[in-house]
């Protein structure tokens, strides 16, 4: 059976039937990009390698739970990202782990220079509030838009890299990013954060 011509979704079907060769094919196809995503979150090569193996082990054990909502690559990305964030939580960082840091990056871009002249406590409180607003806004985006926004702004991927990871046409990625960012800005403006062309 030539699995190289199979789509990711077809490979998951084979993995659910305990086809180890299908898992190897999926690994060869996505491991490098997924490893890069994990490494950006945990910032430790050894840990990233271990988490990568954990992520693909979960694919092996949970392939049958994939319901076809979103691409198989996006499903794999969510598993890897959740594993990476779980690792940060196990290190007893804040409950939000690296997520707060990434969310702050968007919040700061939405309102550059905010907090200037405030006390340290006030700055921390304001950062936490902004992060909460951004997190809530992101959760309200359609999943396909949210995934593209997270990959672009949290993980630093280019539009071409996102298209490769999710196996989508570049134009589709650009559209989802544009729509997601526009909605995100509207929601954050409504929450009291200033919009910025930085996210466009």
N, C-alpha and C. Protein backbone atom coordinates (compact mmCIF):
# COMPACT_ATOMS: atom_id res chain seq x y z
N UNK A 1 0.84 -1.20 0.00
CA UNK A 1 0.00 0.00 0.00
C UNK A 1 0.88 1.26 0.00
N UNK A 2 0.69 2.11 -1.01
CA UNK A 2 1.47 3.34 -1.11
C UNK A 2 0.76 4.44 -0.33
N UNK A 3 1.26 4.70 0.88
CA UNK A 3 0.60 5.67 1.74
C UNK A 3 0.98 7.11 1.45
N UNK A 4 2.01 7.33 0.67
CA UNK A 4 2.48 8.69 0.41
C UNK A 4 1.44 9.51 -0.33
N UNK A 5 0.57 8.84 -1.10
CA UNK A 5 -0.46 9.55 -1.85
C UNK A 5 -1.71 9.80 -1.02
N UNK A 6 -1.75 9.24 0.20
CA UNK A 6 -2.91 9.41 1.05
C UNK A 6 -2.96 10.83 1.61
N UNK A 7 -4.17 11.34 1.82
CA UNK A 7 -4.33 12.61 2.52
C UNK A 7 -4.09 12.36 4.01
N UNK A 8 -3.91 13.44 4.76
CA UNK A 8 -3.75 13.30 6.21
C UNK A 8 -4.95 12.62 6.83
N UNK A 9 -6.13 12.97 6.34
CA UNK A 9 -7.35 12.39 6.89
C UNK A 9 -7.40 10.88 6.63
N UNK A 10 -6.97 10.47 5.45
CA UNK A 10 -6.93 9.04 5.14
C UNK A 10 -5.89 8.32 5.99
N UNK A 11 -4.79 9.00 6.24
CA UNK A 11 -3.78 8.40 7.11
C UNK A 11 -4.32 8.19 8.52
N UNK A 12 -5.09 9.16 9.02
CA UNK A 12 -5.68 9.00 10.35
C UNK A 12 -6.64 7.80 10.39
N UNK A 13 -7.36 7.60 9.32
CA UNK A 13 -8.24 6.43 9.26
C UNK A 13 -7.43 5.15 9.37
N UNK A 14 -6.29 5.13 8.68
CA UNK A 14 -5.42 3.95 8.75
C UNK A 14 -4.81 3.79 10.13
N UNK A 15 -4.43 4.91 10.74
CA UNK A 15 -3.85 4.86 12.09
C UNK A 15 -4.88 4.32 13.08
N UNK A 16 -6.13 4.74 12.92
CA UNK A 16 -7.19 4.25 13.80
C UNK A 16 -7.34 2.74 13.69
N UNK A 17 -6.93 2.19 12.55
CA UNK A 17 -6.97 0.74 12.34
C UNK A 17 -5.64 0.08 12.70
N UNK A 18 -4.79 0.85 13.42
CA UNK A 18 -3.50 0.39 13.93
C UNK A 18 -2.51 0.07 12.80
N UNK A 19 -2.48 0.94 11.80
CA UNK A 19 -1.50 0.83 10.73
C UNK A 19 -0.29 1.69 11.11
N UNK A 20 0.77 1.06 11.58
CA UNK A 20 1.95 1.78 12.05
C UNK A 20 2.63 2.52 10.91
N UNK A 21 2.58 1.98 9.72
CA UNK A 21 3.21 2.64 8.57
C UNK A 21 2.53 3.98 8.28
N UNK A 22 1.21 4.04 8.52
CA UNK A 22 0.48 5.29 8.31
C UNK A 22 0.95 6.34 9.31
N UNK A 23 1.20 5.93 10.54
CA UNK A 23 1.71 6.86 11.55
C UNK A 23 3.09 7.38 11.15
N UNK A 24 3.93 6.49 10.66
CA UNK A 24 5.27 6.89 10.22
C UNK A 24 5.18 7.90 9.08
N UNK A 25 4.24 7.67 8.17
CA UNK A 25 4.06 8.59 7.04
C UNK A 25 3.60 9.95 7.52
N UNK A 26 2.64 9.97 8.46
CA UNK A 26 2.16 11.24 9.00
C UNK A 26 3.28 11.95 9.76
N UNK A 27 4.07 11.17 10.47
CA UNK A 27 5.20 11.74 11.22
C UNK A 27 6.19 12.38 10.26
N UNK A 28 6.58 11.66 9.23
CA UNK A 28 7.54 12.19 8.26
C UNK A 28 7.02 13.47 7.60
N UNK A 29 5.72 13.52 7.42
CA UNK A 29 5.11 14.66 6.73
C UNK A 29 5.05 15.91 7.60
N UNK A 30 4.85 15.75 8.90
CA UNK A 30 4.55 16.91 9.75
C UNK A 30 5.51 17.12 10.93
N UNK A 31 6.36 16.17 11.23
CA UNK A 31 7.14 16.25 12.47
C UNK A 31 8.00 17.50 12.55
N UNK A 32 8.62 17.89 11.46
CA UNK A 32 9.53 19.04 11.51
C UNK A 32 8.80 20.33 11.87
N UNK A 33 7.65 20.56 11.22
CA UNK A 33 6.89 21.78 11.49
C UNK A 33 6.30 21.74 12.90
N UNK A 34 5.75 20.59 13.30
CA UNK A 34 5.15 20.48 14.63
C UNK A 34 6.22 20.66 15.71
N UNK A 35 7.40 20.10 15.48
CA UNK A 35 8.50 20.28 16.43
C UNK A 35 8.84 21.77 16.59
N UNK A 36 8.85 22.49 15.49
CA UNK A 36 9.16 23.93 15.54
C UNK A 36 8.11 24.67 16.36
N UNK A 37 6.84 24.29 16.20
CA UNK A 37 5.77 24.92 16.97
C UNK A 37 5.97 24.66 18.46
N UNK A 38 6.26 23.42 18.80
CA UNK A 38 6.45 23.07 20.21
C UNK A 38 7.65 23.81 20.78
N UNK A 39 8.73 23.87 20.01
CA UNK A 39 9.95 24.51 20.49
C UNK A 39 9.73 25.99 20.76
N UNK A 40 8.90 26.64 19.95
CA UNK A 40 8.62 28.06 20.18
C UNK A 40 7.91 28.27 21.51
N UNK A 41 7.16 27.28 21.95
CA UNK A 41 6.41 27.41 23.20
C UNK A 41 7.29 27.05 24.40
N UNK A 42 7.98 25.90 24.34
CA UNK A 42 8.70 25.43 25.52
C UNK A 42 10.14 25.93 25.58
N UNK A 43 10.70 26.30 24.43
CA UNK A 43 12.05 26.88 24.34
C UNK A 43 13.11 25.97 24.95
N UNK A 44 12.95 24.69 24.75
CA UNK A 44 13.93 23.72 25.23
C UNK A 44 13.91 22.54 24.25
N UNK A 45 15.04 22.27 23.61
CA UNK A 45 15.09 21.28 22.54
C UNK A 45 14.76 19.87 23.05
N UNK A 46 15.36 19.48 24.16
CA UNK A 46 15.11 18.14 24.69
C UNK A 46 13.64 17.95 25.04
N UNK A 47 13.06 18.95 25.70
CA UNK A 47 11.65 18.87 26.07
C UNK A 47 10.77 18.86 24.82
N UNK A 48 11.14 19.67 23.83
CA UNK A 48 10.36 19.72 22.60
C UNK A 48 10.35 18.37 21.89
N UNK A 49 11.49 17.70 21.90
CA UNK A 49 11.56 16.37 21.27
C UNK A 49 10.68 15.38 22.01
N UNK A 50 10.70 15.45 23.34
CA UNK A 50 9.86 14.53 24.13
C UNK A 50 8.38 14.81 23.89
N UNK A 51 8.02 16.09 23.85
CA UNK A 51 6.62 16.46 23.63
C UNK A 51 6.16 16.05 22.24
N UNK A 52 7.06 16.16 21.26
CA UNK A 52 6.73 15.73 19.90
C UNK A 52 6.35 14.25 19.90
N UNK A 53 7.14 13.43 20.60
CA UNK A 53 6.84 12.00 20.67
C UNK A 53 5.52 11.76 21.39
N UNK A 54 5.28 12.51 22.47
CA UNK A 54 4.02 12.37 23.20
C UNK A 54 2.83 12.72 22.30
N UNK A 55 3.00 13.77 21.49
CA UNK A 55 1.92 14.21 20.61
C UNK A 55 1.57 13.13 19.60
N UNK A 56 2.59 12.52 19.00
CA UNK A 56 2.32 11.48 18.01
C UNK A 56 1.84 10.19 18.65
N UNK A 57 2.23 9.97 19.90
CA UNK A 57 1.67 8.82 20.62
C UNK A 57 0.18 9.02 20.84
N UNK A 58 -0.21 10.26 21.15
CA UNK A 58 -1.64 10.52 21.31
C UNK A 58 -2.37 10.36 19.99
N UNK A 59 -1.73 10.76 18.89
CA UNK A 59 -2.33 10.53 17.58
C UNK A 59 -2.58 9.04 17.38
N UNK A 60 -1.59 8.22 17.75
CA UNK A 60 -1.70 6.76 17.61
C UNK A 60 -2.87 6.21 18.43
N UNK A 61 -3.02 6.72 19.65
CA UNK A 61 -4.04 6.17 20.55
C UNK A 61 -5.41 6.81 20.35
N UNK A 62 -5.46 8.00 19.73
CA UNK A 62 -6.72 8.74 19.65
C UNK A 62 -7.19 9.02 18.23
N UNK A 63 -6.55 8.42 17.24
CA UNK A 63 -6.91 8.72 15.85
C UNK A 63 -8.39 8.47 15.58
N UNK A 64 -8.95 7.49 16.27
CA UNK A 64 -10.36 7.17 16.05
C UNK A 64 -11.30 8.26 16.54
N UNK A 65 -10.79 9.17 17.37
CA UNK A 65 -11.65 10.24 17.90
C UNK A 65 -11.72 11.45 16.97
N UNK A 66 -10.88 11.46 15.92
CA UNK A 66 -10.91 12.56 14.97
C UNK A 66 -12.24 12.52 14.22
N UNK A 67 -12.97 13.63 14.29
CA UNK A 67 -14.32 13.68 13.73
C UNK A 67 -14.40 14.41 12.40
N UNK A 68 -13.28 14.89 11.91
CA UNK A 68 -13.30 15.56 10.61
C UNK A 68 -13.65 17.03 10.68
N UNK A 69 -13.75 17.60 11.89
CA UNK A 69 -14.01 19.04 12.02
C UNK A 69 -12.67 19.76 11.94
N UNK A 70 -12.42 20.44 10.84
CA UNK A 70 -11.11 21.03 10.61
C UNK A 70 -10.19 20.00 9.99
N UNK A 71 -9.05 20.45 9.50
CA UNK A 71 -8.12 19.55 8.84
C UNK A 71 -7.44 18.66 9.87
N UNK A 72 -6.94 17.52 9.39
CA UNK A 72 -6.21 16.61 10.27
C UNK A 72 -4.94 17.29 10.78
N UNK A 73 -4.33 18.12 9.96
CA UNK A 73 -3.12 18.83 10.39
C UNK A 73 -3.44 19.78 11.54
N UNK A 74 -4.57 20.46 11.46
CA UNK A 74 -4.96 21.37 12.54
C UNK A 74 -5.24 20.58 13.82
N UNK A 75 -5.83 19.41 13.68
CA UNK A 75 -6.08 18.54 14.84
C UNK A 75 -4.76 18.13 15.48
N UNK A 76 -3.79 17.76 14.65
CA UNK A 76 -2.48 17.40 15.14
C UNK A 76 -1.80 18.59 15.83
N UNK A 77 -1.93 19.77 15.22
CA UNK A 77 -1.35 20.98 15.81
C UNK A 77 -1.92 21.25 17.20
N UNK A 78 -3.24 21.11 17.35
CA UNK A 78 -3.87 21.36 18.66
C UNK A 78 -3.35 20.38 19.72
N UNK A 79 -3.18 19.12 19.32
CA UNK A 79 -2.64 18.14 20.26
C UNK A 79 -1.25 18.56 20.72
N UNK A 80 -0.40 18.92 19.77
CA UNK A 80 0.97 19.30 20.09
C UNK A 80 1.00 20.55 20.95
N UNK A 81 0.20 21.53 20.60
CA UNK A 81 0.20 22.78 21.37
C UNK A 81 -0.30 22.54 22.79
N UNK A 82 -1.34 21.73 22.93
CA UNK A 82 -1.85 21.43 24.27
C UNK A 82 -0.81 20.68 25.10
N UNK A 83 -0.09 19.77 24.46
CA UNK A 83 0.98 19.05 25.17
C UNK A 83 2.05 20.02 25.65
N UNK A 84 2.40 20.98 24.78
CA UNK A 84 3.44 21.95 25.13
C UNK A 84 2.98 22.84 26.30
N UNK A 85 1.73 23.27 26.27
CA UNK A 85 1.22 24.10 27.36
C UNK A 85 1.10 23.31 28.65
N UNK A 86 0.74 22.02 28.53
CA UNK A 86 0.71 21.17 29.72
C UNK A 86 2.09 21.06 30.34
N UNK A 87 3.10 20.99 29.49
CA UNK A 87 4.48 20.94 29.99
C UNK A 87 4.80 22.20 30.79
N UNK A 88 4.41 23.35 30.27
CA UNK A 88 4.67 24.60 30.99
C UNK A 88 3.95 24.62 32.32
N UNK A 89 2.74 24.12 32.34
CA UNK A 89 1.99 24.09 33.60
C UNK A 89 2.67 23.16 34.61
N UNK A 90 3.21 22.07 34.11
CA UNK A 90 3.89 21.15 35.02
C UNK A 90 5.13 21.78 35.61
N UNK A 91 5.69 22.75 34.94
CA UNK A 91 6.84 23.47 35.48
C UNK A 91 6.41 24.51 36.51
N UNK A 92 5.12 24.52 36.81
CA UNK A 92 4.55 25.41 37.82
C UNK A 92 4.70 26.88 37.45
N UNK A 93 4.63 27.12 36.15
CA UNK A 93 4.49 28.51 35.74
C UNK A 93 3.03 28.86 35.96
N UNK A 94 2.62 30.05 35.54
CA UNK A 94 1.24 30.45 35.76
C UNK A 94 0.31 29.50 35.04
N UNK A 95 -0.94 29.46 35.47
CA UNK A 95 -1.91 28.54 34.88
C UNK A 95 -1.97 28.71 33.38
N UNK A 96 -1.81 29.94 32.93
CA UNK A 96 -1.88 30.19 31.49
C UNK A 96 -0.60 29.79 30.78
N UNK A 97 0.48 29.53 31.52
CA UNK A 97 1.73 29.12 30.92
C UNK A 97 2.21 30.12 29.90
N UNK A 98 2.81 29.62 28.82
CA UNK A 98 3.32 30.49 27.77
C UNK A 98 2.22 31.24 27.07
N UNK A 99 0.97 30.79 27.23
CA UNK A 99 -0.13 31.42 26.52
C UNK A 99 -0.27 32.88 26.91
N UNK A 100 -0.10 33.20 28.19
CA UNK A 100 -0.24 34.59 28.62
C UNK A 100 0.80 35.46 27.92
N UNK A 101 2.01 34.94 27.84
CA UNK A 101 3.08 35.70 27.20
C UNK A 101 2.70 36.01 25.76
N UNK A 102 2.18 35.02 25.04
CA UNK A 102 1.81 35.22 23.65
C UNK A 102 0.60 36.15 23.53
N UNK A 103 -0.36 35.94 24.42
CA UNK A 103 -1.54 36.79 24.38
C UNK A 103 -1.18 38.23 24.69
N UNK A 104 -0.24 38.42 25.61
CA UNK A 104 0.22 39.77 25.91
C UNK A 104 0.83 40.44 24.69
N UNK A 105 1.49 39.65 23.85
CA UNK A 105 2.11 40.23 22.67
C UNK A 105 1.06 40.87 21.78
N UNK A 106 -0.08 40.21 21.63
CA UNK A 106 -1.15 40.79 20.82
C UNK A 106 -1.79 41.95 21.57
N UNK A 107 -2.02 41.78 22.86
CA UNK A 107 -2.64 42.86 23.63
C UNK A 107 -1.78 44.12 23.59
N UNK A 108 -0.47 43.95 23.70
CA UNK A 108 0.44 45.09 23.65
C UNK A 108 0.42 45.74 22.28
N UNK A 109 0.30 44.93 21.24
CA UNK A 109 0.23 45.48 19.88
C UNK A 109 -1.06 46.25 19.67
N UNK A 110 -2.11 45.78 20.33
CA UNK A 110 -3.39 46.47 20.19
C UNK A 110 -3.38 47.82 20.89
N UNK A 111 -2.56 47.95 21.93
CA UNK A 111 -2.54 49.20 22.69
C UNK A 111 -1.10 49.54 23.07
N UNK A 112 -0.27 49.89 22.08
CA UNK A 112 1.14 50.15 22.36
C UNK A 112 1.30 51.33 23.30
N UNK A 113 2.24 51.18 24.23
CA UNK A 113 2.54 52.29 25.14
C UNK A 113 1.63 52.36 26.34
N UNK A 114 0.65 51.46 26.43
CA UNK A 114 -0.25 51.52 27.58
C UNK A 114 0.51 51.14 28.83
N UNK A 115 0.11 51.71 29.93
CA UNK A 115 0.73 51.37 31.20
C UNK A 115 1.92 52.25 31.52
N UNK A 116 2.31 53.14 30.62
CA UNK A 116 3.46 53.99 30.88
C UNK A 116 3.15 54.90 32.06
N UNK A 117 4.04 54.93 33.04
CA UNK A 117 3.83 55.80 34.19
C UNK A 117 3.06 55.12 35.31
N UNK A 118 2.55 53.91 35.06
CA UNK A 118 1.83 53.20 36.10
C UNK A 118 2.83 52.52 37.03
N UNK A 119 2.36 52.17 38.19
CA UNK A 119 3.20 51.41 39.10
C UNK A 119 3.34 49.99 38.56
N UNK A 120 4.30 49.24 39.09
CA UNK A 120 4.52 47.87 38.66
C UNK A 120 3.28 47.02 38.89
N UNK A 121 2.64 47.19 40.03
CA UNK A 121 1.43 46.42 40.33
C UNK A 121 0.33 46.76 39.33
N UNK A 122 0.16 48.05 39.04
CA UNK A 122 -0.86 48.45 38.08
C UNK A 122 -0.56 47.91 36.70
N UNK A 123 0.72 47.93 36.31
CA UNK A 123 1.09 47.39 35.01
C UNK A 123 0.75 45.91 34.92
N UNK A 124 1.08 45.16 35.97
CA UNK A 124 0.81 43.73 35.97
C UNK A 124 -0.69 43.46 35.88
N UNK A 125 -1.46 44.24 36.64
CA UNK A 125 -2.91 44.07 36.62
C UNK A 125 -3.47 44.39 35.24
N UNK A 126 -2.93 45.46 34.63
CA UNK A 126 -3.41 45.84 33.31
C UNK A 126 -3.05 44.80 32.27
N UNK A 127 -1.83 44.24 32.36
CA UNK A 127 -1.42 43.19 31.42
C UNK A 127 -2.33 41.98 31.54
N UNK A 128 -2.62 41.60 32.80
CA UNK A 128 -3.49 40.44 33.01
C UNK A 128 -4.88 40.69 32.45
N UNK A 129 -5.38 41.92 32.65
CA UNK A 129 -6.71 42.25 32.12
C UNK A 129 -6.71 42.18 30.60
N UNK A 130 -5.67 42.75 29.97
CA UNK A 130 -5.60 42.73 28.51
C UNK A 130 -5.53 41.29 27.99
N UNK A 131 -4.71 40.47 28.67
CA UNK A 131 -4.58 39.07 28.26
C UNK A 131 -5.93 38.35 28.34
N UNK A 132 -6.69 38.63 29.39
CA UNK A 132 -8.00 38.01 29.53
C UNK A 132 -8.94 38.43 28.40
N UNK A 133 -8.88 39.71 28.04
CA UNK A 133 -9.74 40.21 26.97
C UNK A 133 -9.36 39.56 25.63
N UNK A 134 -8.06 39.45 25.39
CA UNK A 134 -7.61 38.85 24.13
C UNK A 134 -8.00 37.37 24.09
N UNK A 135 -7.82 36.68 25.22
CA UNK A 135 -8.15 35.25 25.25
C UNK A 135 -9.65 35.04 24.97
N UNK A 136 -10.46 35.87 25.59
CA UNK A 136 -11.91 35.74 25.39
C UNK A 136 -12.28 36.04 23.93
N UNK A 137 -11.63 37.05 23.35
CA UNK A 137 -11.91 37.40 21.96
C UNK A 137 -11.49 36.27 21.02
N UNK A 138 -10.34 35.69 21.28
CA UNK A 138 -9.86 34.59 20.44
C UNK A 138 -10.81 33.41 20.49
N UNK A 139 -11.31 33.10 21.67
CA UNK A 139 -12.20 31.95 21.81
C UNK A 139 -13.51 32.14 21.06
N UNK A 140 -13.86 33.39 20.78
CA UNK A 140 -15.11 33.64 20.07
C UNK A 140 -14.95 33.59 18.56
N UNK A 141 -13.70 33.51 18.08
CA UNK A 141 -13.48 33.41 16.63
C UNK A 141 -13.88 32.02 16.14
N UNK A 142 -14.34 31.91 14.89
CA UNK A 142 -14.52 30.58 14.31
C UNK A 142 -13.19 29.82 14.37
N UNK A 143 -13.26 28.52 14.60
CA UNK A 143 -12.05 27.75 14.85
C UNK A 143 -11.03 27.89 13.73
N UNK A 144 -11.49 27.86 12.46
CA UNK A 144 -10.54 27.91 11.37
C UNK A 144 -9.80 29.24 11.33
N UNK A 145 -10.47 30.33 11.74
CA UNK A 145 -9.81 31.63 11.80
C UNK A 145 -8.89 31.71 13.02
N UNK A 146 -9.34 31.20 14.15
CA UNK A 146 -8.55 31.26 15.37
C UNK A 146 -7.23 30.51 15.20
N UNK A 147 -7.27 29.35 14.57
CA UNK A 147 -6.05 28.56 14.38
C UNK A 147 -5.04 29.34 13.54
N UNK A 148 -5.51 29.98 12.48
CA UNK A 148 -4.60 30.76 11.63
C UNK A 148 -4.00 31.94 12.39
N UNK A 149 -4.83 32.63 13.17
CA UNK A 149 -4.34 33.78 13.95
C UNK A 149 -3.31 33.32 14.97
N UNK A 150 -3.59 32.21 15.66
CA UNK A 150 -2.65 31.70 16.66
C UNK A 150 -1.33 31.32 16.03
N UNK A 151 -1.39 30.65 14.88
CA UNK A 151 -0.15 30.23 14.22
C UNK A 151 0.67 31.43 13.76
N UNK A 152 -0.02 32.47 13.31
CA UNK A 152 0.68 33.65 12.79
C UNK A 152 1.26 34.49 13.91
N UNK A 153 0.45 34.77 14.94
CA UNK A 153 0.87 35.75 15.95
C UNK A 153 1.46 35.13 17.20
N UNK A 154 1.08 33.88 17.51
CA UNK A 154 1.64 33.24 18.69
C UNK A 154 2.90 32.47 18.33
N UNK A 155 2.86 31.78 17.20
CA UNK A 155 3.96 30.90 16.85
C UNK A 155 4.87 31.48 15.77
N UNK A 156 4.52 32.64 15.24
CA UNK A 156 5.40 33.34 14.33
C UNK A 156 5.53 32.73 12.95
N UNK A 157 4.55 31.94 12.52
CA UNK A 157 4.63 31.33 11.20
C UNK A 157 4.20 32.32 10.13
N UNK A 158 4.82 32.19 8.96
CA UNK A 158 4.41 33.00 7.82
C UNK A 158 3.13 32.41 7.24
N UNK A 159 2.48 33.18 6.37
CA UNK A 159 1.26 32.68 5.74
C UNK A 159 1.55 31.41 4.92
N UNK A 160 2.69 31.37 4.27
CA UNK A 160 3.06 30.19 3.48
C UNK A 160 3.27 28.98 4.38
N UNK A 161 3.89 29.19 5.53
CA UNK A 161 4.11 28.08 6.47
C UNK A 161 2.79 27.57 7.03
N UNK A 162 1.87 28.49 7.30
CA UNK A 162 0.54 28.08 7.79
C UNK A 162 -0.17 27.26 6.73
N UNK A 163 -0.09 27.71 5.50
CA UNK A 163 -0.74 26.98 4.40
C UNK A 163 -0.15 25.57 4.28
N UNK A 164 1.17 25.47 4.46
CA UNK A 164 1.82 24.15 4.37
C UNK A 164 1.40 23.27 5.53
N UNK A 165 1.38 23.83 6.72
CA UNK A 165 1.02 23.05 7.91
C UNK A 165 -0.40 22.53 7.83
N UNK A 166 -1.33 23.42 7.45
CA UNK A 166 -2.74 23.05 7.43
C UNK A 166 -3.18 22.46 6.10
N UNK A 167 -2.24 22.43 5.14
CA UNK A 167 -2.52 21.88 3.81
C UNK A 167 -3.71 22.59 3.18
N UNK A 168 -3.60 23.91 3.18
CA UNK A 168 -4.64 24.77 2.62
C UNK A 168 -4.04 25.65 1.54
N UNK A 169 -4.86 26.12 0.59
CA UNK A 169 -4.36 27.09 -0.39
C UNK A 169 -3.94 28.37 0.34
N UNK A 170 -2.90 29.01 -0.16
CA UNK A 170 -2.40 30.24 0.47
C UNK A 170 -3.49 31.29 0.54
N UNK A 171 -4.31 31.39 -0.50
CA UNK A 171 -5.39 32.37 -0.51
C UNK A 171 -6.39 32.15 0.60
N UNK A 172 -6.66 30.90 0.90
CA UNK A 172 -7.59 30.57 2.00
C UNK A 172 -7.02 31.03 3.33
N UNK A 173 -5.72 30.79 3.55
CA UNK A 173 -5.07 31.22 4.78
C UNK A 173 -5.13 32.74 4.91
N UNK A 174 -4.83 33.46 3.82
CA UNK A 174 -4.86 34.91 3.86
C UNK A 174 -6.25 35.43 4.21
N UNK A 175 -7.28 34.80 3.63
CA UNK A 175 -8.65 35.22 3.91
C UNK A 175 -9.02 34.97 5.37
N UNK A 176 -8.67 33.79 5.88
CA UNK A 176 -9.00 33.47 7.26
C UNK A 176 -8.27 34.39 8.23
N UNK A 177 -7.02 34.71 7.93
CA UNK A 177 -6.28 35.64 8.78
C UNK A 177 -6.92 37.02 8.77
N UNK A 178 -7.26 37.50 7.59
CA UNK A 178 -7.85 38.84 7.48
C UNK A 178 -9.16 38.91 8.25
N UNK A 179 -10.04 37.92 8.03
CA UNK A 179 -11.34 37.92 8.70
C UNK A 179 -11.16 37.77 10.22
N UNK A 180 -10.23 36.89 10.63
CA UNK A 180 -10.01 36.67 12.05
C UNK A 180 -9.47 37.91 12.74
N UNK A 181 -8.53 38.60 12.10
CA UNK A 181 -7.93 39.80 12.69
C UNK A 181 -8.96 40.92 12.76
N UNK A 182 -9.77 41.05 11.70
CA UNK A 182 -10.79 42.10 11.71
C UNK A 182 -11.77 41.89 12.86
N UNK A 183 -12.21 40.63 13.04
CA UNK A 183 -13.15 40.35 14.12
C UNK A 183 -12.48 40.53 15.48
N UNK A 184 -11.22 40.11 15.58
CA UNK A 184 -10.49 40.25 16.84
C UNK A 184 -10.37 41.71 17.22
N UNK A 185 -10.05 42.56 16.26
CA UNK A 185 -9.93 43.99 16.55
C UNK A 185 -11.26 44.59 16.98
N UNK A 186 -12.35 44.17 16.31
CA UNK A 186 -13.68 44.70 16.69
C UNK A 186 -14.01 44.31 18.13
N UNK A 187 -13.73 43.06 18.47
CA UNK A 187 -14.04 42.59 19.82
C UNK A 187 -13.19 43.30 20.86
N UNK A 188 -11.91 43.52 20.55
CA UNK A 188 -11.03 44.18 21.51
C UNK A 188 -11.35 45.66 21.64
N UNK A 189 -11.75 46.27 20.54
CA UNK A 189 -12.19 47.68 20.61
C UNK A 189 -13.41 47.79 21.52
N UNK A 190 -14.34 46.84 21.37
CA UNK A 190 -15.54 46.84 22.20
C UNK A 190 -15.19 46.63 23.68
N UNK A 191 -14.07 45.93 23.92
CA UNK A 191 -13.66 45.67 25.30
C UNK A 191 -12.83 46.82 25.88
N UNK A 192 -12.56 47.83 25.05
CA UNK A 192 -11.83 48.98 25.56
C UNK A 192 -10.37 49.03 25.19
N UNK A 193 -9.92 48.10 24.32
CA UNK A 193 -8.54 48.14 23.85
C UNK A 193 -8.50 48.87 22.52
N UNK A 194 -7.43 49.63 22.32
CA UNK A 194 -7.31 50.40 21.09
C UNK A 194 -6.82 49.52 19.96
N UNK A 195 -7.38 49.68 18.76
CA UNK A 195 -6.95 48.92 17.60
C UNK A 195 -5.61 49.43 17.11
N UNK A 196 -4.95 48.61 16.32
CA UNK A 196 -3.64 48.99 15.79
C UNK A 196 -3.43 48.36 14.43
N UNK A 197 -2.83 49.11 13.54
CA UNK A 197 -2.51 48.55 12.24
C UNK A 197 -1.40 47.49 12.35
N UNK A 198 -0.81 47.36 13.53
CA UNK A 198 0.25 46.38 13.73
C UNK A 198 -0.23 44.98 13.40
N UNK A 199 -1.50 44.69 13.63
CA UNK A 199 -2.01 43.35 13.40
C UNK A 199 -2.49 43.13 11.99
N UNK A 200 -2.45 44.11 11.17
CA UNK A 200 -2.93 43.93 9.79
C UNK A 200 -1.82 43.44 8.90
